[in-house]
C-alpha atoms as a PDB file:
ATOM      1  CA  PHE A   1      23.915  -6.417  42.528  1.00  0.00           C
ATOM      2  CA  SER A   2      22.230  -9.990  42.465  1.00  0.00           C
ATOM      3  CA  LYS A   3      23.874 -10.918  39.632  1.00  0.00           C
ATOM      4  CA  LEU A   4      27.129 -10.072  40.660  1.00  0.00           C
ATOM      5  CA  ASN A   5      26.154 -11.831  44.120  1.00  0.00           C
ATOM      6  CA  PRO A   6      24.029 -14.860  43.004  1.00  0.00           C
ATOM      7  CA  GLY A   7      24.391 -16.157  46.614  1.00  0.00           C
ATOM      8  CA  ALA A   8      23.071 -12.962  48.363  1.00  0.00           C
ATOM      9  CA  ASP A   9      19.678 -12.750  49.921  1.00  0.00           C
ATOM     10  CA  VAL A  10      18.764  -9.575  48.242  1.00  0.00           C
ATOM     11  CA  ARG A  11      15.360  -7.936  48.918  1.00  0.00           C
ATOM     12  CA  VAL A  12      14.049  -4.459  47.847  1.00  0.00           C
ATOM     13  CA  LEU A  13      11.523  -2.296  49.363  1.00  0.00           C
ATOM     14  CA  ILE A  14      10.346   0.897  47.258  1.00  0.00           C
ATOM     15  CA  ALA A  15       8.788   3.427  49.790  1.00  0.00           C
ATOM     16  CA  PRO A  16       8.974   7.111  50.644  1.00  0.00           C
ATOM     17  CA  SER A  17      12.369   8.216  52.131  1.00  0.00           C
ATOM     18  CA  ASP A  18      11.013   8.887  55.610  1.00  0.00           C
ATOM     19  CA  GLU A  19       9.481   5.171  55.732  1.00  0.00           C
ATOM     20  CA  LEU A  20      12.874   3.688  54.849  1.00  0.00           C
ATOM     21  CA  GLU A  21      14.686   5.818  57.420  1.00  0.00           C
ATOM     22  CA  GLU A  22      12.313   4.333  60.046  1.00  0.00           C
ATOM     23  CA  LYS A  23      12.762   0.914  58.954  1.00  0.00           C
ATOM     24  CA  ILE A  24      16.726   1.386  59.188  1.00  0.00           C
ATOM     25  CA  ILE A  25      16.356   2.859  62.791  1.00  0.00           C
ATOM     26  CA  SER A  26      14.227  -0.316  63.845  1.00  0.00           C
ATOM     27  CA  ASN A  27      16.824  -2.628  62.036  1.00  0.00           C
ATOM     28  CA  GLU A  28      14.160  -3.858  59.659  1.00  0.00           C
ATOM     29  CA  LEU A  29      16.593  -2.761  56.735  1.00  0.00           C
ATOM     30  CA  ASP A  30      20.461  -2.841  56.433  1.00  0.00           C
ATOM     31  CA  LEU A  31      20.505   0.093  54.263  1.00  0.00           C
ATOM     32  CA  ALA A  32      18.384   2.389  52.015  1.00  0.00           C
ATOM     33  CA  LEU A  33      19.004   4.380  48.713  1.00  0.00           C
ATOM     34  CA  VAL A  34      17.202   7.768  49.412  1.00  0.00           C
ATOM     35  CA  GLU A  35      16.676  11.063  47.538  1.00  0.00           C
ATOM     36  CA  SER A  36      16.250  13.251  50.702  1.00  0.00           C
ATOM     37  CA  PHE A  37      17.761  14.828  53.578  1.00  0.00           C
ATOM     38  CA  LEU A  38      18.338  12.808  56.939  1.00  0.00           C
ATOM     39  CA  HIS A  39      16.184  13.329  59.970  1.00  0.00           C
ATOM     40  CA  HIS A  40      17.622  11.024  62.413  1.00  0.00           C
ATOM     41  CA  GLU A  41      20.641  11.732  64.303  1.00  0.00           C
ATOM     42  CA  HIS A  42      21.753   7.912  64.332  1.00  0.00           C
ATOM     43  CA  MET A  43      21.966   7.919  60.385  1.00  0.00           C
ATOM     44  CA  VAL A  44      24.873   7.745  58.224  1.00  0.00           C
ATOM     45  CA  ALA A  45      24.596   9.153  54.725  1.00  0.00           C
ATOM     46  CA  GLN A  46      26.985   8.564  51.977  1.00  0.00           C
ATOM     47  CA  PRO A  47      26.355  10.602  48.727  1.00  0.00           C
ATOM     48  CA  PHE A  48      26.315   8.469  45.732  1.00  0.00           C
ATOM     49  CA  MET A  49      24.986  10.468  42.805  1.00  0.00           C
ATOM     50  CA  GLU A  50      24.116  13.995  41.801  1.00  0.00           C
ATOM     51  CA  ASP A  51      20.763  14.632  40.710  1.00  0.00           C
ATOM     52  CA  SER A  52      18.096  17.310  39.844  1.00  0.00           C
ATOM     53  CA  LEU A  53      14.490  17.991  39.789  1.00  0.00           C
ATOM     54  CA  GLY A  54      13.084  19.569  36.486  1.00  0.00           C
ATOM     55  CA  VAL A  55      10.071  21.526  35.946  1.00  0.00           C
ATOM     56  CA  ILE A  56       7.829  19.840  33.148  1.00  0.00           C
ATOM     57  CA  THR A  57       4.670  21.187  31.391  1.00  0.00           C
ATOM     58  CA  PRO A  58       2.333  19.919  28.783  1.00  0.00           C
ATOM     59  CA  ALA A  59       3.750  20.085  25.355  1.00  0.00           C
ATOM     60  CA  MET A  60       0.803  22.771  24.389  1.00  0.00           C
ATOM     61  CA  GLU A  61       0.411  26.507  24.695  1.00  0.00           C
ATOM     62  CA  PRO A  62       0.819  28.645  26.541  1.00  0.00           C
ATOM     63  CA  TYR A  63       4.086  26.426  27.256  1.00  0.00           C
ATOM     64  CA  TYR A  64       6.825  26.133  24.853  1.00  0.00           C
ATOM     65  CA  PRO A  65      10.354  24.500  24.996  1.00  0.00           C
ATOM     66  CA  GLY A  66      12.805  26.095  27.023  1.00  0.00           C
ATOM     67  CA  GLN A  67      10.522  28.384  28.613  1.00  0.00           C
ATOM     68  CA  VAL A  68      11.845  30.493  31.669  1.00  0.00           C
ATOM     69  CA  MET A  69       8.902  31.433  33.963  1.00  0.00           C
ATOM     70  CA  SER A  70       9.028  34.182  36.434  1.00  0.00           C
ATOM     71  CA  ARG A  71       8.509  33.295  40.040  1.00  0.00           C
ATOM     72  CA  GLU A  72       4.992  34.697  39.943  1.00  0.00           C
ATOM     73  CA  ALA A  73       3.821  32.728  36.872  1.00  0.00           C
ATOM     74  CA  PHE A  74       5.230  29.605  38.442  1.00  0.00           C
ATOM     75  CA  ALA A  75       3.440  29.987  41.676  1.00  0.00           C
ATOM     76  CA  ARG A  76       0.130  30.403  39.783  1.00  0.00           C
ATOM     77  CA  GLN A  77       0.478  27.049  38.174  1.00  0.00           C
ATOM     78  CA  ASN A  78      -1.434  24.099  38.810  1.00  0.00           C
ATOM     79  CA  PHE A  79       1.050  21.836  40.481  1.00  0.00           C
ATOM     80  CA  LEU A  80       1.108  17.891  40.237  1.00  0.00           C
ATOM     81  CA  LEU A  81       3.621  16.811  43.093  1.00  0.00           C
ATOM     82  CA  ARG A  82       4.959  13.719  44.591  1.00  0.00           C
ATOM     83  CA  GLU A  83       3.615  12.830  48.088  1.00  0.00           C
ATOM     84  CA  PRO A  84       4.807  14.420  51.320  1.00  0.00           C
ATOM     85  CA  GLY A  85       7.573  12.702  52.580  1.00  0.00           C
ATOM     86  CA  SER A  86       9.320  11.773  49.348  1.00  0.00           C
ATOM     87  CA  GLY A  87      12.477  13.176  48.614  1.00  0.00           C
ATOM     88  CA  ALA A  88      11.447  15.040  45.437  1.00  0.00           C
ATOM     89  CA  ARG A  89       8.715  16.763  47.415  1.00  0.00           C
ATOM     90  CA  GLU A  90      10.771  17.557  50.459  1.00  0.00           C
ATOM     91  CA  LEU A  91      13.532  19.248  48.068  1.00  0.00           C
ATOM     92  CA  PHE A  92      10.684  21.003  46.226  1.00  0.00           C
ATOM     93  CA  GLU A  93       9.143  22.467  49.341  1.00  0.00           C
ATOM     94  CA  LYS A  94      12.754  23.397  50.917  1.00  0.00           C
ATOM     95  CA  VAL A  95      13.984  25.362  47.805  1.00  0.00           C
ATOM     96  CA  LEU A  96      10.761  27.086  47.768  1.00  0.00           C
ATOM     97  CA  THR A  97      10.694  27.962  51.251  1.00  0.00           C
ATOM     98  CA  SER A  98      14.346  29.548  50.819  1.00  0.00           C
ATOM     99  CA  HIS A  99      12.669  31.681  48.259  1.00  0.00           C
ATOM    100  CA  GLU A 100       9.843  32.781  50.414  1.00  0.00           C
ATOM    101  CA  MET A 101       7.198  30.657  48.189  1.00  0.00           C
ATOM    102  CA  GLN A 102       4.811  28.365  48.902  1.00  0.00           C
ATOM    103  CA  VAL A 103       2.371  26.536  46.419  1.00  0.00           C
ATOM    104  CA  GLU A 104      -0.531  24.261  47.022  1.00  0.00           C
ATOM    105  CA  PRO A 105      -0.823  21.166  44.578  1.00  0.00           C
ATOM    106  CA  VAL A 106      -3.838  20.218  42.894  1.00  0.00           C
ATOM    107  CA  TRP A 107      -2.515  16.469  42.592  1.00  0.00           C
ATOM    108  CA  GLU A 108      -0.277  14.499  45.035  1.00  0.00           C
ATOM    109  CA  GLY A 109       0.762  11.007  44.185  1.00  0.00           C
ATOM    110  CA  ILE A 110       3.284   8.514  44.716  1.00  0.00           C
ATOM    111  CA  SER A 111       3.861   7.428  41.134  1.00  0.00           C
ATOM    112  CA  THR A 112       6.172   9.408  38.844  1.00  0.00           C
ATOM    113  CA  THR A 113       4.507   7.903  35.891  1.00  0.00           C
ATOM    114  CA  ALA A 114       0.907   9.009  36.716  1.00  0.00           C
ATOM    115  CA  LEU A 115       2.169  12.574  37.302  1.00  0.00           C
ATOM    116  CA  VAL A 116       3.940  12.689  34.111  1.00  0.00           C
ATOM    117  CA  ASN A 117       0.977  11.407  32.305  1.00  0.00           C
ATOM    118  CA  ALA A 118      -1.176  14.153  34.077  1.00  0.00           C
ATOM    119  CA  VAL A 119       1.148  16.719  32.713  1.00  0.00           C
ATOM    120  CA  ILE A 120       0.828  15.383  29.357  1.00  0.00           C
ATOM    121  CA  LYS A 121      -2.836  15.413  29.329  1.00  0.00           C
ATOM    122  CA  GLY A 122      -2.439  19.234  30.448  1.00  0.00           C
ATOM    123  CA  LEU A 123      -3.846  18.852  34.019  1.00  0.00           C
ATOM    124  CA  GLY A 124      -0.963  20.911  35.360  1.00  0.00           C
ATOM    125  CA  ILE A 125       3.055  21.021  35.703  1.00  0.00           C
ATOM    126  CA  SER A 126       5.294  19.197  37.751  1.00  0.00           C
ATOM    127  CA  VAL A 127       8.588  19.138  39.428  1.00  0.00           C
ATOM    128  CA  LEU A 128      10.434  15.753  39.093  1.00  0.00           C
ATOM    129  CA  PRO A 129      13.620  14.063  38.880  1.00  0.00           C
ATOM    130  CA  ARG A 130      15.134  14.935  35.486  1.00  0.00           C
ATOM    131  CA  ARG A 131      16.339  11.172  35.034  1.00  0.00           C
ATOM    132  CA  MET A 132      12.730   9.944  35.276  1.00  0.00           C
ATOM    133  CA  VAL A 133      11.204  12.567  32.567  1.00  0.00           C
ATOM    134  CA  THR A 134      14.084  12.087  30.072  1.00  0.00           C
ATOM    135  CA  GLY A 135      12.211   9.727  27.785  1.00  0.00           C
ATOM    136  CA  ALA A 136       8.901  12.055  28.012  1.00  0.00           C
ATOM    137  CA  VAL A 137      10.988  15.107  27.037  1.00  0.00           C
ATOM    138  CA  GLN A 138      12.798  13.401  24.320  1.00  0.00           C
ATOM    139  CA  LYS A 139       9.581  12.147  22.602  1.00  0.00           C
ATOM    140  CA  GLY A 140       8.324  15.698  22.801  1.00  0.00           C
ATOM    141  CA  SER A 141       5.338  14.708  25.330  1.00  0.00           C
ATOM    142  CA  VAL A 142       6.405  17.224  27.715  1.00  0.00           C
ATOM    143  CA  TYR A 143       8.329  20.501  27.792  1.00  0.00           C
ATOM    144  CA  THR A 144      11.085  21.419  30.137  1.00  0.00           C
ATOM    145  CA  ALA A 145      11.029  24.996  31.836  1.00  0.00           C
ATOM    146  CA  GLN A 146      13.098  26.885  34.304  1.00  0.00           C
ATOM    147  CA  VAL A 147      12.148  29.238  36.917  1.00  0.00           C
ATOM    148  CA  GLU A 148      13.965  32.606  37.210  1.00  0.00           C
ATOM    149  CA  GLY A 149      16.667  32.035  39.926  1.00  0.00           C
ATOM    150  CA  ILE A 150      15.459  28.839  41.287  1.00  0.00           C
ATOM    151  CA  GLU A 151      17.265  25.498  40.755  1.00  0.00           C
ATOM    152  CA  PHE A 152      16.356  22.198  42.360  1.00  0.00           C
ATOM    153  CA  HIS A 153      19.756  20.042  42.899  1.00  0.00           C
ATOM    154  CA  ARG A 154      20.323  17.253  45.265  1.00  0.00           C
ATOM    155  CA  GLU A 155      22.298  14.137  45.736  1.00  0.00           C
ATOM    156  CA  PHE A 156      21.043  10.553  46.407  1.00  0.00           C
ATOM    157  CA  TYR A 157      22.371   8.727  49.500  1.00  0.00           C
ATOM    158  CA  VAL A 158      23.201   5.434  50.839  1.00  0.00           C
ATOM    159  CA  VAL A 159      21.958   5.427  54.370  1.00  0.00           C
ATOM    160  CA  TYR A 160      22.446   2.994  57.197  1.00  0.00           C
ATOM    161  CA  HIS A 161      22.263   3.233  60.961  1.00  0.00           C
ATOM    162  CA  LYS A 162      25.620   4.554  62.403  1.00  0.00           C
ATOM    163  CA  ASP A 163      25.851   1.325  64.675  1.00  0.00           C
ATOM    164  CA  LYS A 164      25.238  -0.935  61.628  1.00  0.00           C
ATOM    165  CA  ARG A 165      28.249  -3.477  61.043  1.00  0.00           C
ATOM    166  CA  LEU A 166      28.674  -3.150  57.229  1.00  0.00           C
ATOM    167  CA  THR A 167      29.777  -6.567  55.968  1.00  0.00           C
ATOM    168  CA  LYS A 168      31.923  -6.888  53.101  1.00  0.00           C
ATOM    169  CA  LEU A 169      28.639  -7.644  50.828  1.00  0.00           C
ATOM    170  CA  LEU A 170      27.141  -4.322  51.961  1.00  0.00           C
ATOM    171  CA  LYS A 171      30.382  -2.621  51.468  1.00  0.00           C
ATOM    172  CA  ASP A 172      30.546  -3.934  47.790  1.00  0.00           C
ATOM    173  CA  PHE A 173      26.683  -2.699  47.399  1.00  0.00           C
ATOM    174  CA  VAL A 174      27.612   0.718  48.439  1.00  0.00           C
ATOM    175  CA  THR A 175      30.712   0.687  45.995  1.00  0.00           C
ATOM    176  CA  LEU A 176      28.249  -0.387  43.042  1.00  0.00           C
ATOM    177  CA  CYS A 177      26.004   2.435  43.855  1.00  0.00           C
ATOM    178  CA  LYS A 178      29.010   4.971  43.976  1.00  0.00           C
ATOM    179  CA  ASN A 179      29.992   3.692  40.497  1.00  0.00           C
ATOM    180  CA  TYR A 180      26.530   3.259  39.046  1.00  0.00           C
ATOM    181  CA  GLU A 181      26.323   6.514  37.085  1.00  0.00           C
ATOM    182  CA  LEU A 182      29.573   5.589  35.352  1.00  0.00           C
ATOM    183  CA  ASN A 183      28.274   2.106  34.317  1.00  0.00           C
ATOM    184  CA  TYR A 184      24.619   2.837  33.955  1.00  0.00           C
ATOM    185  CA  PRO A 185      24.143   6.673  32.840  1.00  0.00           C
ATOM    186  CA  LEU A 186      20.479   7.093  32.165  1.00  0.00           C
ATOM    187  CA  PRO A 187      17.619   4.621  32.849  1.00  0.00           C
ATOM    188  CA  ARG A 188      15.174   3.891  30.192  1.00  0.00           C
ATOM    189  CA  TYR A 189      11.843   4.887  31.719  1.00  0.00           C
ATOM    190  CA  GLN A 190       9.071   2.519  30.788  1.00  0.00           C
ATOM    191  CA  GLY A 191       5.895   4.716  31.499  1.00  0.00           C
ATOM    192  CA  LEU A 192       3.216   5.459  29.213  1.00  0.00           C
ATOM    193  CA  PHE A 193       4.742   8.428  27.546  1.00  0.00           C
END
């Protein structure tokens, strides 16, 4: 967006979805790209990309590529999860709650890279955005697994305050986001895996 609009004052803040939402409510941010559900009635959300979370396991026994776990076996795993308040964690918990399941993570963190690397080292399994673990899966550093009858689907949203006046520049940014997947299908993840 900066390259397309060299005169624009573009600033980026990477933070958990709930923190970004609060900054929009207090008018510290114009808009945000979030991966979670809205909590505030004064927010507008426009979906711009579909995504799903994937279960990843260490690339070692007892795991194997394409494994389908029973819900019981899944619940017994050591979970390495994103922090509370993140969109991925919120979706994970919402889906488990809908299946009357609950798990207690052994690790929580804000870094997807750290979580993937912990899975690679055999410290547990994780449920993370598929787009963010593609590199590790393709390299064979981790395996993907499925859980019987459970899927973790979501959408990404452009969110802003309902009273925010969207300038042409902000509208152009929203349009760029909605067309992003067409122009930039999968990111090249730069983690250690």
